[in-house]
PDB file of N, CA and C in Angstrom:
ATOM      1  N   MET A   1     -16.239  10.251 -18.534  1.00  0.00           N
ATOM      2  CA  MET A   1     -16.041   8.891 -18.997  1.00  0.00           C
ATOM      3  C   MET A   1     -15.053   8.185 -18.076  1.00  0.00           C
ATOM      4  N   ALA A   2     -15.349   6.987 -17.689  1.00  0.00           N
ATOM      5  CA  ALA A   2     -14.500   6.224 -16.780  1.00  0.00           C
ATOM      6  C   ALA A   2     -13.249   5.727 -17.497  1.00  0.00           C
ATOM      7  N   SER A   3     -12.135   5.816 -16.778  1.00  0.00           N
ATOM      8  CA  SER A   3     -10.881   5.304 -17.323  1.00  0.00           C
ATOM      9  C   SER A   3     -10.082   4.650 -16.205  1.00  0.00           C
ATOM     10  N   GLU A   4      -9.092   3.881 -16.600  1.00  0.00           N
ATOM     11  CA  GLU A   4      -8.227   3.226 -15.621  1.00  0.00           C
ATOM     12  C   GLU A   4      -6.783   3.345 -16.088  1.00  0.00           C
ATOM     13  N   ILE A   5      -5.931   3.809 -15.175  1.00  0.00           N
ATOM     14  CA  ILE A   5      -4.509   3.993 -15.460  1.00  0.00           C
ATOM     15  C   ILE A   5      -3.710   3.180 -14.455  1.00  0.00           C
ATOM     16  N   LEU A   6      -2.677   2.507 -14.928  1.00  0.00           N
ATOM     17  CA  LEU A   6      -1.760   1.774 -14.060  1.00  0.00           C
ATOM     18  C   LEU A   6      -0.366   2.329 -14.291  1.00  0.00           C
ATOM     19  N   ARG A   7       0.228   2.879 -13.219  1.00  0.00           N
ATOM     20  CA  ARG A   7       1.581   3.431 -13.313  1.00  0.00           C
ATOM     21  C   ARG A   7       2.486   2.708 -12.336  1.00  0.00           C
ATOM     22  N   GLU A   8       3.587   2.177 -12.823  1.00  0.00           N
ATOM     23  CA  GLU A   8       4.567   1.546 -11.944  1.00  0.00           C
ATOM     24  C   GLU A   8       5.506   2.637 -11.441  1.00  0.00           C
ATOM     25  N   ILE A   9       5.679   2.695 -10.109  1.00  0.00           N
ATOM     26  CA  ILE A   9       6.547   3.698  -9.498  1.00  0.00           C
ATOM     27  C   ILE A   9       7.510   3.005  -8.541  1.00  0.00           C
ATOM     28  N   SER A  10       8.512   3.739  -8.082  1.00  0.00           N
ATOM     29  CA  SER A  10       9.444   3.193  -7.096  1.00  0.00           C
ATOM     30  C   SER A  10       8.945   3.534  -5.693  1.00  0.00           C
ATOM     31  N   ALA A  11       9.441   2.813  -4.708  1.00  0.00           N
ATOM     32  CA  ALA A  11       9.061   3.057  -3.316  1.00  0.00           C
ATOM     33  C   ALA A  11       9.388   4.489  -2.910  1.00  0.00           C
ATOM     34  N   SER A  12      10.481   5.015  -3.418  1.00  0.00           N
ATOM     35  CA  SER A  12      10.894   6.374  -3.050  1.00  0.00           C
ATOM     36  C   SER A  12       9.972   7.448  -3.632  1.00  0.00           C
ATOM     37  N   ASP A  13       9.185   7.115  -4.635  1.00  0.00           N
ATOM     38  CA  ASP A  13       8.255   8.071  -5.249  1.00  0.00           C
ATOM     39  C   ASP A  13       6.841   7.997  -4.678  1.00  0.00           C
ATOM     40  N   LEU A  14       6.594   7.064  -3.772  1.00  0.00           N
ATOM     41  CA  LEU A  14       5.230   6.822  -3.292  1.00  0.00           C
ATOM     42  C   LEU A  14       4.586   8.067  -2.691  1.00  0.00           C
ATOM     43  N   LEU A  15       5.249   8.733  -1.762  1.00  0.00           N
ATOM     44  CA  LEU A  15       4.627   9.886  -1.104  1.00  0.00           C
ATOM     45  C   LEU A  15       4.385  11.033  -2.084  1.00  0.00           C
ATOM     46  N   ALA A  16       5.345  11.321  -2.937  1.00  0.00           N
ATOM     47  CA  ALA A  16       5.185  12.418  -3.898  1.00  0.00           C
ATOM     48  C   ALA A  16       4.034  12.145  -4.865  1.00  0.00           C
ATOM     49  N   GLU A  17       3.960  10.927  -5.386  1.00  0.00           N
ATOM     50  CA  GLU A  17       2.889  10.581  -6.335  1.00  0.00           C
ATOM     51  C   GLU A  17       1.525  10.583  -5.648  1.00  0.00           C
ATOM     52  N   THR A  18       1.476  10.098  -4.410  1.00  0.00           N
ATOM     53  CA  THR A  18       0.220  10.086  -3.652  1.00  0.00           C
ATOM     54  C   THR A  18      -0.242  11.509  -3.364  1.00  0.00           C
ATOM     55  N   LEU A  19       0.685  12.371  -2.996  1.00  0.00           N
ATOM     56  CA  LEU A  19       0.346  13.767  -2.707  1.00  0.00           C
ATOM     57  C   LEU A  19      -0.186  14.481  -3.950  1.00  0.00           C
ATOM     58  N   LYS A  20       0.383  14.201  -5.106  1.00  0.00           N
ATOM     59  CA  LYS A  20      -0.117  14.786  -6.362  1.00  0.00           C
ATOM     60  C   LYS A  20      -1.577  14.399  -6.589  1.00  0.00           C
ATOM     61  N   LEU A  21      -1.886  13.125  -6.347  1.00  0.00           N
ATOM     62  CA  LEU A  21      -3.261  12.658  -6.543  1.00  0.00           C
ATOM     63  C   LEU A  21      -4.208  13.304  -5.536  1.00  0.00           C
ATOM     64  N   LYS A  22      -3.771  13.424  -4.288  1.00  0.00           N
ATOM     65  CA  LYS A  22      -4.590  14.061  -3.250  1.00  0.00           C
ATOM     66  C   LYS A  22      -4.903  15.504  -3.645  1.00  0.00           C
ATOM     67  N   HIS A  23      -3.887  16.247  -4.082  1.00  0.00           N
ATOM     68  CA  HIS A  23      -4.087  17.644  -4.488  1.00  0.00           C
ATOM     69  C   HIS A  23      -4.980  17.761  -5.722  1.00  0.00           C
ATOM     70  N   ALA A  24      -5.003  16.744  -6.550  1.00  0.00           N
ATOM     71  CA  ALA A  24      -5.863  16.746  -7.740  1.00  0.00           C
ATOM     72  C   ALA A  24      -7.305  16.349  -7.402  1.00  0.00           C
ATOM     73  N   GLY A  25      -7.559  15.973  -6.135  1.00  0.00           N
ATOM     74  CA  GLY A  25      -8.916  15.647  -5.712  1.00  0.00           C
ATOM     75  C   GLY A  25      -9.248  14.170  -5.650  1.00  0.00           C
ATOM     76  N   TYR A  26      -8.268  13.310  -5.852  1.00  0.00           N
ATOM     77  CA  TYR A  26      -8.516  11.869  -5.818  1.00  0.00           C
ATOM     78  C   TYR A  26      -8.696  11.382  -4.388  1.00  0.00           C
ATOM     79  N   ARG A  27      -9.534  10.374  -4.227  1.00  0.00           N
ATOM     80  CA  ARG A  27      -9.668   9.693  -2.938  1.00  0.00           C
ATOM     81  C   ARG A  27      -9.008   8.332  -3.055  1.00  0.00           C
ATOM     82  N   MET A  28      -8.430   7.869  -1.952  1.00  0.00           N
ATOM     83  CA  MET A  28      -7.834   6.538  -1.954  1.00  0.00           C
ATOM     84  C   MET A  28      -8.956   5.520  -1.759  1.00  0.00           C
ATOM     85  N   VAL A  29      -9.007   4.500  -2.610  1.00  0.00           N
ATOM     86  CA  VAL A  29     -10.073   3.508  -2.493  1.00  0.00           C
ATOM     87  C   VAL A  29      -9.582   2.152  -2.007  1.00  0.00           C
ATOM     88  N   ALA A  30      -8.311   1.837  -2.205  1.00  0.00           N
ATOM     89  CA  ALA A  30      -7.803   0.535  -1.748  1.00  0.00           C
ATOM     90  C   ALA A  30      -6.287   0.483  -1.864  1.00  0.00           C
ATOM     91  N   ILE A  31      -5.710  -0.380  -1.033  1.00  0.00           N
ATOM     92  CA  ILE A  31      -4.306  -0.767  -1.187  1.00  0.00           C
ATOM     93  C   ILE A  31      -4.314  -2.287  -1.167  1.00  0.00           C
ATOM     94  N   SER A  32      -3.751  -2.899  -2.189  1.00  0.00           N
ATOM     95  CA  SER A  32      -3.725  -4.364  -2.238  1.00  0.00           C
ATOM     96  C   SER A  32      -2.294  -4.846  -2.393  1.00  0.00           C
ATOM     97  N   CYS A  33      -2.099  -6.107  -2.059  1.00  0.00           N
ATOM     98  CA  CYS A  33      -0.764  -6.689  -2.131  1.00  0.00           C
ATOM     99  C   CYS A  33      -0.885  -8.141  -2.558  1.00  0.00           C
ATOM    100  N   THR A  34       0.070  -8.583  -3.333  1.00  0.00           N
ATOM    101  CA  THR A  34       0.175  -9.992  -3.688  1.00  0.00           C
ATOM    102  C   THR A  34       1.647 -10.332  -3.813  1.00  0.00           C
ATOM    103  N   TYR A  35       1.951 -11.602  -3.662  1.00  0.00           N
ATOM    104  CA  TYR A  35       3.336 -12.044  -3.786  1.00  0.00           C
ATOM    105  C   TYR A  35       3.452 -12.969  -4.982  1.00  0.00           C
ATOM    106  N   LYS A  36       4.281 -12.578  -5.925  1.00  0.00           N
ATOM    107  CA  LYS A  36       4.607 -13.449  -7.053  1.00  0.00           C
ATOM    108  C   LYS A  36       6.089 -13.746  -6.898  1.00  0.00           C
ATOM    109  N   GLU A  37       6.942 -13.222  -7.759  1.00  0.00           N
ATOM    110  CA  GLU A  37       8.386 -13.334  -7.528  1.00  0.00           C
ATOM    111  C   GLU A  37       8.844 -12.246  -6.569  1.00  0.00           C
ATOM    112  N   VAL A  38       8.094 -11.153  -6.534  1.00  0.00           N
ATOM    113  CA  VAL A  38       8.353 -10.025  -5.635  1.00  0.00           C
ATOM    114  C   VAL A  38       7.016  -9.594  -5.035  1.00  0.00           C
ATOM    115  N   MET A  39       7.077  -8.714  -4.045  1.00  0.00           N
ATOM    116  CA  MET A  39       5.853  -8.150  -3.496  1.00  0.00           C
ATOM    117  C   MET A  39       5.328  -7.111  -4.484  1.00  0.00           C
ATOM    118  N   GLU A  40       4.053  -7.197  -4.771  1.00  0.00           N
ATOM    119  CA  GLU A  40       3.412  -6.271  -5.701  1.00  0.00           C
ATOM    120  C   GLU A  40       2.311  -5.539  -4.949  1.00  0.00           C
ATOM    121  N   LEU A  41       2.528  -4.259  -4.686  1.00  0.00           N
ATOM    122  CA  LEU A  41       1.538  -3.439  -3.999  1.00  0.00           C
ATOM    123  C   LEU A  41       0.883  -2.513  -5.005  1.00  0.00           C
ATOM    124  N   THR A  42      -0.435  -2.391  -4.913  1.00  0.00           N
ATOM    125  CA  THR A  42      -1.171  -1.498  -5.793  1.00  0.00           C
ATOM    126  C   THR A  42      -2.011  -0.555  -4.939  1.00  0.00           C
ATOM    127  N   TYR A  43      -1.756   0.726  -5.102  1.00  0.00           N
ATOM    128  CA  TYR A  43      -2.497   1.785  -4.416  1.00  0.00           C
ATOM    129  C   TYR A  43      -3.493   2.336  -5.429  1.00  0.00           C
ATOM    130  N   SER A  44      -4.794   2.281  -5.112  1.00  0.00           N
ATOM    131  CA  SER A  44      -5.838   2.684  -6.062  1.00  0.00           C
ATOM    132  C   SER A  44      -6.536   3.958  -5.599  1.00  0.00           C
ATOM    133  N   PHE A  45      -6.720   4.882  -6.538  1.00  0.00           N
ATOM    134  CA  PHE A  45      -7.318   6.185  -6.264  1.00  0.00           C
ATOM    135  C   PHE A  45      -8.400   6.466  -7.297  1.00  0.00           C
ATOM    136  N   ASP A  46      -9.456   7.194  -6.876  1.00  0.00           N
ATOM    137  CA  ASP A  46     -10.594   7.457  -7.753  1.00  0.00           C
ATOM    138  C   ASP A  46     -10.962   8.934  -7.745  1.00  0.00           C
ATOM    139  N   LEU A  47     -11.342   9.427  -8.905  1.00  0.00           N
ATOM    140  CA  LEU A  47     -11.926  10.757  -9.042  1.00  0.00           C
ATOM    141  C   LEU A  47     -12.943  10.674 -10.173  1.00  0.00           C
ATOM    142  N   ASN A  48     -14.222  10.791  -9.822  1.00  0.00           N
ATOM    143  CA  ASN A  48     -15.299  10.757 -10.826  1.00  0.00           C
ATOM    144  C   ASN A  48     -15.213   9.533 -11.739  1.00  0.00           C
ATOM    145  N   TYR A  49     -15.001   8.389 -11.153  1.00  0.00           N
ATOM    146  CA  TYR A  49     -14.920   7.101 -11.851  1.00  0.00           C
ATOM    147  C   TYR A  49     -13.657   6.924 -12.692  1.00  0.00           C
ATOM    148  N   ASP A  50     -12.714   7.836 -12.575  1.00  0.00           N
ATOM    149  CA  ASP A  50     -11.403   7.644 -13.193  1.00  0.00           C
ATOM    150  C   ASP A  50     -10.497   7.028 -12.138  1.00  0.00           C
ATOM    151  N   LEU A  51      -9.965   5.870 -12.429  1.00  0.00           N
ATOM    152  CA  LEU A  51      -9.164   5.119 -11.469  1.00  0.00           C
ATOM    153  C   LEU A  51      -7.690   5.214 -11.843  1.00  0.00           C
ATOM    154  N   VAL A  52      -6.869   5.606 -10.868  1.00  0.00           N
ATOM    155  CA  VAL A  52      -5.420   5.634 -11.041  1.00  0.00           C
ATOM    156  C   VAL A  52      -4.830   4.638 -10.061  1.00  0.00           C
ATOM    157  N   ASN A  53      -4.029   3.712 -10.571  1.00  0.00           N
ATOM    158  CA  ASN A  53      -3.373   2.703  -9.743  1.00  0.00           C
ATOM    159  C   ASN A  53      -1.874   2.947  -9.775  1.00  0.00           C
ATOM    160  N   LEU A  54      -1.278   3.065  -8.596  1.00  0.00           N
ATOM    161  CA  LEU A  54       0.171   3.172  -8.481  1.00  0.00           C
ATOM    162  C   LEU A  54       0.684   1.811  -8.048  1.00  0.00           C
ATOM    163  N   ARG A  55       1.564   1.219  -8.825  1.00  0.00           N
ATOM    164  CA  ARG A  55       2.074  -0.121  -8.519  1.00  0.00           C
ATOM    165  C   ARG A  55       3.543  -0.041  -8.125  1.00  0.00           C
ATOM    166  N   ILE A  56       3.864  -0.732  -7.031  1.00  0.00           N
ATOM    167  CA  ILE A  56       5.242  -0.818  -6.549  1.00  0.00           C
ATOM    168  C   ILE A  56       5.631  -2.283  -6.494  1.00  0.00           C
ATOM    169  N   LEU A  57       6.738  -2.628  -7.121  1.00  0.00           N
ATOM    170  CA  LEU A  57       7.309  -3.967  -7.029  1.00  0.00           C
ATOM    171  C   LEU A  57       8.477  -3.862  -6.067  1.00  0.00           C
ATOM    172  N   THR A  58       8.445  -4.657  -5.000  1.00  0.00           N
ATOM    173  CA  THR A  58       9.447  -4.509  -3.952  1.00  0.00           C
ATOM    174  C   THR A  58       9.719  -5.839  -3.274  1.00  0.00           C
ATOM    175  N   ASP A  59      10.594  -5.803  -2.289  1.00  0.00           N
ATOM    176  CA  ASP A  59      10.849  -6.973  -1.454  1.00  0.00           C
ATOM    177  C   ASP A  59      10.432  -6.617  -0.028  1.00  0.00           C
ATOM    178  N   THR A  60      10.660  -7.513   0.911  1.00  0.00           N
ATOM    179  CA  THR A  60      10.246  -7.242   2.287  1.00  0.00           C
ATOM    180  C   THR A  60      11.286  -6.448   3.066  1.00  0.00           C
ATOM    181  N   LYS A  61      12.445  -6.239   2.493  1.00  0.00           N
ATOM    182  CA  LYS A  61      13.507  -5.479   3.173  1.00  0.00           C
ATOM    183  C   LYS A  61      13.388  -3.972   2.913  1.00  0.00           C
ATOM    184  N   THR A  62      12.964  -3.605   1.727  1.00  0.00           N
ATOM    185  CA  THR A  62      12.861  -2.192   1.349  1.00  0.00           C
ATOM    186  C   THR A  62      11.816  -1.485   2.204  1.00  0.00           C
ATOM    187  N   GLU A  63      12.175  -0.326   2.744  1.00  0.00           N
ATOM    188  CA  GLU A  63      11.228   0.454   3.536  1.00  0.00           C
ATOM    189  C   GLU A  63      10.262   1.192   2.618  1.00  0.00           C
ATOM    190  N   LEU A  64       8.992   1.044   2.935  1.00  0.00           N
ATOM    191  CA  LEU A  64       7.935   1.761   2.221  1.00  0.00           C
ATOM    192  C   LEU A  64       7.309   2.737   3.206  1.00  0.00           C
ATOM    193  N   PRO A  65       7.229   4.013   2.892  1.00  0.00           N
ATOM    194  CA  PRO A  65       6.628   4.953   3.836  1.00  0.00           C
ATOM    195  C   PRO A  65       5.109   4.799   3.876  1.00  0.00           C
ATOM    196  N   SER A  66       4.547   4.993   5.058  1.00  0.00           N
ATOM    197  CA  SER A  66       3.095   5.011   5.180  1.00  0.00           C
ATOM    198  C   SER A  66       2.556   6.243   4.465  1.00  0.00           C
ATOM    199  N   ILE A  67       1.404   6.095   3.827  1.00  0.00           N
ATOM    200  CA  ILE A  67       0.763   7.262   3.218  1.00  0.00           C
ATOM    201  C   ILE A  67      -0.261   7.868   4.181  1.00  0.00           C
ATOM    202  N   GLY A  68      -0.214   7.447   5.442  1.00  0.00           N
ATOM    203  CA  GLY A  68      -1.147   7.921   6.458  1.00  0.00           C
ATOM    204  C   GLY A  68      -1.106   9.418   6.703  1.00  0.00           C
ATOM    205  N   ILE A  69       0.010  10.060   6.398  1.00  0.00           N
ATOM    206  CA  ILE A  69       0.070  11.515   6.565  1.00  0.00           C
ATOM    207  C   ILE A  69      -0.730  12.229   5.476  1.00  0.00           C
ATOM    208  N   ILE A  70      -1.076  11.498   4.429  1.00  0.00           N
ATOM    209  CA  ILE A  70      -1.864  12.061   3.325  1.00  0.00           C
ATOM    210  C   ILE A  70      -3.305  11.550   3.385  1.00  0.00           C
ATOM    211  N   TYR A  71      -3.460  10.252   3.582  1.00  0.00           N
ATOM    212  CA  TYR A  71      -4.775   9.618   3.732  1.00  0.00           C
ATOM    213  C   TYR A  71      -4.759   8.862   5.057  1.00  0.00           C
ATOM    214  N   ALA A  72      -5.317   9.471   6.101  1.00  0.00           N
ATOM    215  CA  ALA A  72      -5.245   8.904   7.454  1.00  0.00           C
ATOM    216  C   ALA A  72      -5.827   7.494   7.533  1.00  0.00           C
ATOM    217  N   TYR A  73      -6.867   7.215   6.765  1.00  0.00           N
ATOM    218  CA  TYR A  73      -7.534   5.914   6.848  1.00  0.00           C
ATOM    219  C   TYR A  73      -6.759   4.780   6.180  1.00  0.00           C
ATOM    220  N   SER A  74      -5.598   5.065   5.645  1.00  0.00           N
ATOM    221  CA  SER A  74      -4.770   4.010   5.034  1.00  0.00           C
ATOM    222  C   SER A  74      -4.176   3.061   6.070  1.00  0.00           C
ATOM    223  N   PHE A  75      -4.228   3.446   7.361  1.00  0.00           N
ATOM    224  CA  PHE A  75      -3.562   2.645   8.394  1.00  0.00           C
ATOM    225  C   PHE A  75      -4.076   1.210   8.469  1.00  0.00           C
ATOM    226  N   LEU A  76      -5.343   0.971   8.187  1.00  0.00           N
ATOM    227  CA  LEU A  76      -5.851  -0.408   8.245  1.00  0.00           C
ATOM    228  C   LEU A  76      -5.273  -1.256   7.118  1.00  0.00           C
ATOM    229  N   TYR A  77      -5.268  -0.727   5.909  1.00  0.00           N
ATOM    230  CA  TYR A  77      -4.651  -1.444   4.788  1.00  0.00           C
ATOM    231  C   TYR A  77      -3.177  -1.721   5.077  1.00  0.00           C
ATOM    232  N   GLU A  78      -2.480  -0.698   5.554  1.00  0.00           N
ATOM    233  CA  GLU A  78      -1.035  -0.819   5.777  1.00  0.00           C
ATOM    234  C   GLU A  78      -0.706  -1.815   6.882  1.00  0.00           C
ATOM    235  N   ASN A  79      -1.466  -1.793   7.970  1.00  0.00           N
ATOM    236  CA  ASN A  79      -1.256  -2.776   9.038  1.00  0.00           C
ATOM    237  C   ASN A  79      -1.498  -4.191   8.530  1.00  0.00           C
ATOM    238  N   GLU A  80      -2.547  -4.368   7.747  1.00  0.00           N
ATOM    239  CA  GLU A  80      -2.873  -5.684   7.205  1.00  0.00           C
ATOM    240  C   GLU A  80      -1.760  -6.194   6.287  1.00  0.00           C
ATOM    241  N   ILE A  81      -1.287  -5.361   5.386  1.00  0.00           N
ATOM    242  CA  ILE A  81      -0.236  -5.764   4.444  1.00  0.00           C
ATOM    243  C   ILE A  81       1.064  -6.057   5.179  1.00  0.00           C
ATOM    244  N   LYS A  82       1.379  -5.236   6.157  1.00  0.00           N
ATOM    245  CA  LYS A  82       2.597  -5.454   6.955  1.00  0.00           C
ATOM    246  C   LYS A  82       2.525  -6.802   7.684  1.00  0.00           C
ATOM    247  N   GLU A  83       1.374  -7.089   8.276  1.00  0.00           N
ATOM    248  CA  GLU A  83       1.223  -8.314   9.063  1.00  0.00           C
ATOM    249  C   GLU A  83       1.082  -9.571   8.204  1.00  0.00           C
ATOM    250  N   LEU A  84       0.302  -9.515   7.152  1.00  0.00           N
ATOM    251  CA  LEU A  84       0.036 -10.715   6.360  1.00  0.00           C
ATOM    252  C   LEU A  84       1.106 -11.022   5.320  1.00  0.00           C
ATOM    253  N   PHE A  85       1.787  -9.975   4.817  1.00  0.00           N
ATOM    254  CA  PHE A  85       2.785 -10.175   3.762  1.00  0.00           C
ATOM    255  C   PHE A  85       4.216  -9.895   4.208  1.00  0.00           C
ATOM    256  N   GLY A  86       4.387  -9.211   5.339  1.00  0.00           N
ATOM    257  CA  GLY A  86       5.729  -8.894   5.823  1.00  0.00           C
ATOM    258  C   GLY A  86       6.380  -7.718   5.128  1.00  0.00           C
ATOM    259  N   VAL A  87       5.588  -6.887   4.451  1.00  0.00           N
ATOM    260  CA  VAL A  87       6.134  -5.703   3.782  1.00  0.00           C
ATOM    261  C   VAL A  87       6.565  -4.699   4.852  1.00  0.00           C
ATOM    262  N   ASN A  88       7.722  -4.090   4.659  1.00  0.00           N
ATOM    263  CA  ASN A  88       8.312  -3.185   5.643  1.00  0.00           C
ATOM    264  C   ASN A  88       7.758  -1.766   5.474  1.00  0.00           C
ATOM    265  N   ILE A  89       6.523  -1.551   5.948  1.00  0.00           N
ATOM    266  CA  ILE A  89       5.894  -0.233   5.867  1.00  0.00           C
ATOM    267  C   ILE A  89       6.216   0.506   7.159  1.00  0.00           C
ATOM    268  N   THR A  90       6.799   1.694   7.028  1.00  0.00           N
ATOM    269  CA  THR A  90       7.227   2.456   8.201  1.00  0.00           C
ATOM    270  C   THR A  90       6.332   3.671   8.421  1.00  0.00           C
ATOM    271  N   GLY A  91       6.215   4.075   9.680  1.00  0.00           N
ATOM    272  CA  GLY A  91       5.476   5.284  10.018  1.00  0.00           C
ATOM    273  C   GLY A  91       3.973   5.128  10.053  1.00  0.00           C
ATOM    274  N   ILE A  92       3.475   3.902  10.172  1.00  0.00           N
ATOM    275  CA  ILE A  92       2.025   3.684  10.250  1.00  0.00           C
ATOM    276  C   ILE A  92       1.529   4.228  11.591  1.00  0.00           C
ATOM    277  N   SER A  93       0.405   4.943  11.566  1.00  0.00           N
ATOM    278  CA  SER A  93      -0.160   5.459  12.810  1.00  0.00           C
ATOM    279  C   SER A  93      -1.682   5.340  12.762  1.00  0.00           C
ATOM    280  N   PRO A  94      -2.255   4.541  13.654  1.00  0.00           N
ATOM    281  CA  PRO A  94      -1.598   3.702  14.655  1.00  0.00           C
ATOM    282  C   PRO A  94      -1.034   2.422  14.024  1.00  0.00           C
ATOM    283  N   ASP A  95       0.066   1.969  14.598  1.00  0.00           N
ATOM    284  CA  ASP A  95       0.715   0.731  14.158  1.00  0.00           C
ATOM    285  C   ASP A  95       0.314  -0.382  15.122  1.00  0.00           C
ATOM    286  N   TYR A  96      -0.334  -1.409  14.623  1.00  0.00           N
ATOM    287  CA  TYR A  96      -0.784  -2.514  15.465  1.00  0.00           C
ATOM    288  C   TYR A  96       0.323  -3.521  15.767  1.00  0.00           C
ATOM    289  N   ASN A  97       1.514  -3.294  15.238  1.00  0.00           N
ATOM    290  CA  ASN A  97       2.677  -4.147  15.529  1.00  0.00           C
ATOM    291  C   ASN A  97       2.364  -5.634  15.387  1.00  0.00           C
ATOM    292  N   ASP A  98       1.831  -6.003  14.238  1.00  0.00           N
ATOM    293  CA  ASP A  98       1.520  -7.398  13.910  1.00  0.00           C
ATOM    294  C   ASP A  98       0.507  -8.039  14.854  1.00  0.00           C
ATOM    295  N   SER A  99      -0.437  -7.245  15.373  1.00  0.00           N
ATOM    296  CA  SER A  99      -1.486  -7.824  16.216  1.00  0.00           C
ATOM    297  C   SER A  99      -2.881  -7.414  15.742  1.00  0.00           C
ATOM    298  N   LEU A 100      -3.007  -7.055  14.467  1.00  0.00           N
ATOM    299  CA  LEU A 100      -4.316  -6.729  13.904  1.00  0.00           C
ATOM    300  C   LEU A 100      -5.172  -7.991  13.836  1.00  0.00           C
ATOM    301  N   TYR A 101      -4.547  -9.104  13.466  1.00  0.00           N
ATOM    302  CA  TYR A 101      -5.223 -10.395  13.373  1.00  0.00           C
ATOM    303  C   TYR A 101      -4.618 -11.385  14.357  1.00  0.00           C
ATOM    304  N   LYS A 102      -5.432 -12.330  14.803  1.00  0.00           N
ATOM    305  CA  LYS A 102      -4.920 -13.435  15.621  1.00  0.00           C
ATOM    306  C   LYS A 102      -4.670 -14.594  14.664  1.00  0.00           C
ATOM    307  N   ILE A 103      -3.425 -14.712  14.229  1.00  0.00           N
ATOM    308  CA  ILE A 103      -3.077 -15.740  13.254  1.00  0.00           C
ATOM    309  C   ILE A 103      -1.930 -16.580  13.797  1.00  0.00           C
ATOM    310  N   PRO A 104      -1.934 -17.873  13.487  1.00  0.00           N
ATOM    311  CA  PRO A 104      -0.920 -18.772  14.046  1.00  0.00           C
ATOM    312  C   PRO A 104       0.445 -18.706  13.363  1.00  0.00           C
ATOM    313  N   VAL A 105       0.520 -18.063  12.186  1.00  0.00           N
ATOM    314  CA  VAL A 105       1.779 -18.016  11.439  1.00  0.00           C
ATOM    315  C   VAL A 105       2.161 -16.562  11.173  1.00  0.00           C
ATOM    316  N   LYS A 106       3.451 -16.315  11.160  1.00  0.00           N
ATOM    317  CA  LYS A 106       3.930 -14.975  10.829  1.00  0.00           C
ATOM    318  C   LYS A 106       3.897 -14.815   9.304  1.00  0.00           C
ATOM    319  N   THR A 107       3.362 -13.704   8.839  1.00  0.00           N
ATOM    320  CA  THR A 107       3.241 -13.359   7.407  1.00  0.00           C
ATOM    321  C   THR A 107       2.785 -14.535   6.535  1.00  0.00           C
ATOM    322  N   PRO A 108       1.548 -15.015   6.737  1.00  0.00           N
ATOM    323  CA  PRO A 108       1.083 -16.197   6.008  1.00  0.00           C
ATOM    324  C   PRO A 108       1.066 -16.060   4.485  1.00  0.00           C
ATOM    325  N   PHE A 109       0.982 -14.847   3.964  1.00  0.00           N
ATOM    326  CA  PHE A 109       0.931 -14.672   2.513  1.00  0.00           C
ATOM    327  C   PHE A 109       2.239 -14.146   1.942  1.00  0.00           C
ATOM    328  N   GLY A 110       3.235 -13.979   2.790  1.00  0.00           N
ATOM    329  CA  GLY A 110       4.512 -13.426   2.356  1.00  0.00           C
ATOM    330  C   GLY A 110       5.523 -14.498   2.017  1.00  0.00           C
ATOM    331  N   ILE A 111       6.770 -14.090   2.026  1.00  0.00           N
ATOM    332  CA  ILE A 111       7.873 -14.994   1.717  1.00  0.00           C
ATOM    333  C   ILE A 111       8.082 -15.934   2.895  1.00  0.00           C
ATOM    334  N   GLN A 112       8.010 -17.216   2.648  1.00  0.00           N
ATOM    335  CA  GLN A 112       8.222 -18.210   3.703  1.00  0.00           C
ATOM    336  C   GLN A 112       9.682 -18.636   3.697  1.00  0.00           C
ATOM    337  N   GLU A 113      10.361 -18.349   4.799  1.00  0.00           N
ATOM    338  CA  GLU A 113      11.795 -18.677   4.878  1.00  0.00           C
ATOM    339  C   GLU A 113      12.018 -19.973   5.618  1.00  0.00           C
TER     340      GLU A 113
END
């Protein structure tokens, strides 16, 4: 039976929680980001139609570790979020260093200073 779980975690718990899901057989299906009063990142994982979402509320100064050492294909999501929102994701490999997109503004969806 399909279910959906949303768990709010801290940035420091991201790798441990992601690794638990990987060991349980979950695949990463998406990483999304939006800006409200803070940056809201949601990491989504699936196993047999059961969806687990890990949510992190953060700012652009807090370092968020890349989950690329666990799910290698996360680098595209992470590069996009770093470039478009200005989230401080560290350890991305490969890191496009804000050149994934040709855009005229720095972090168009992030905090405008």
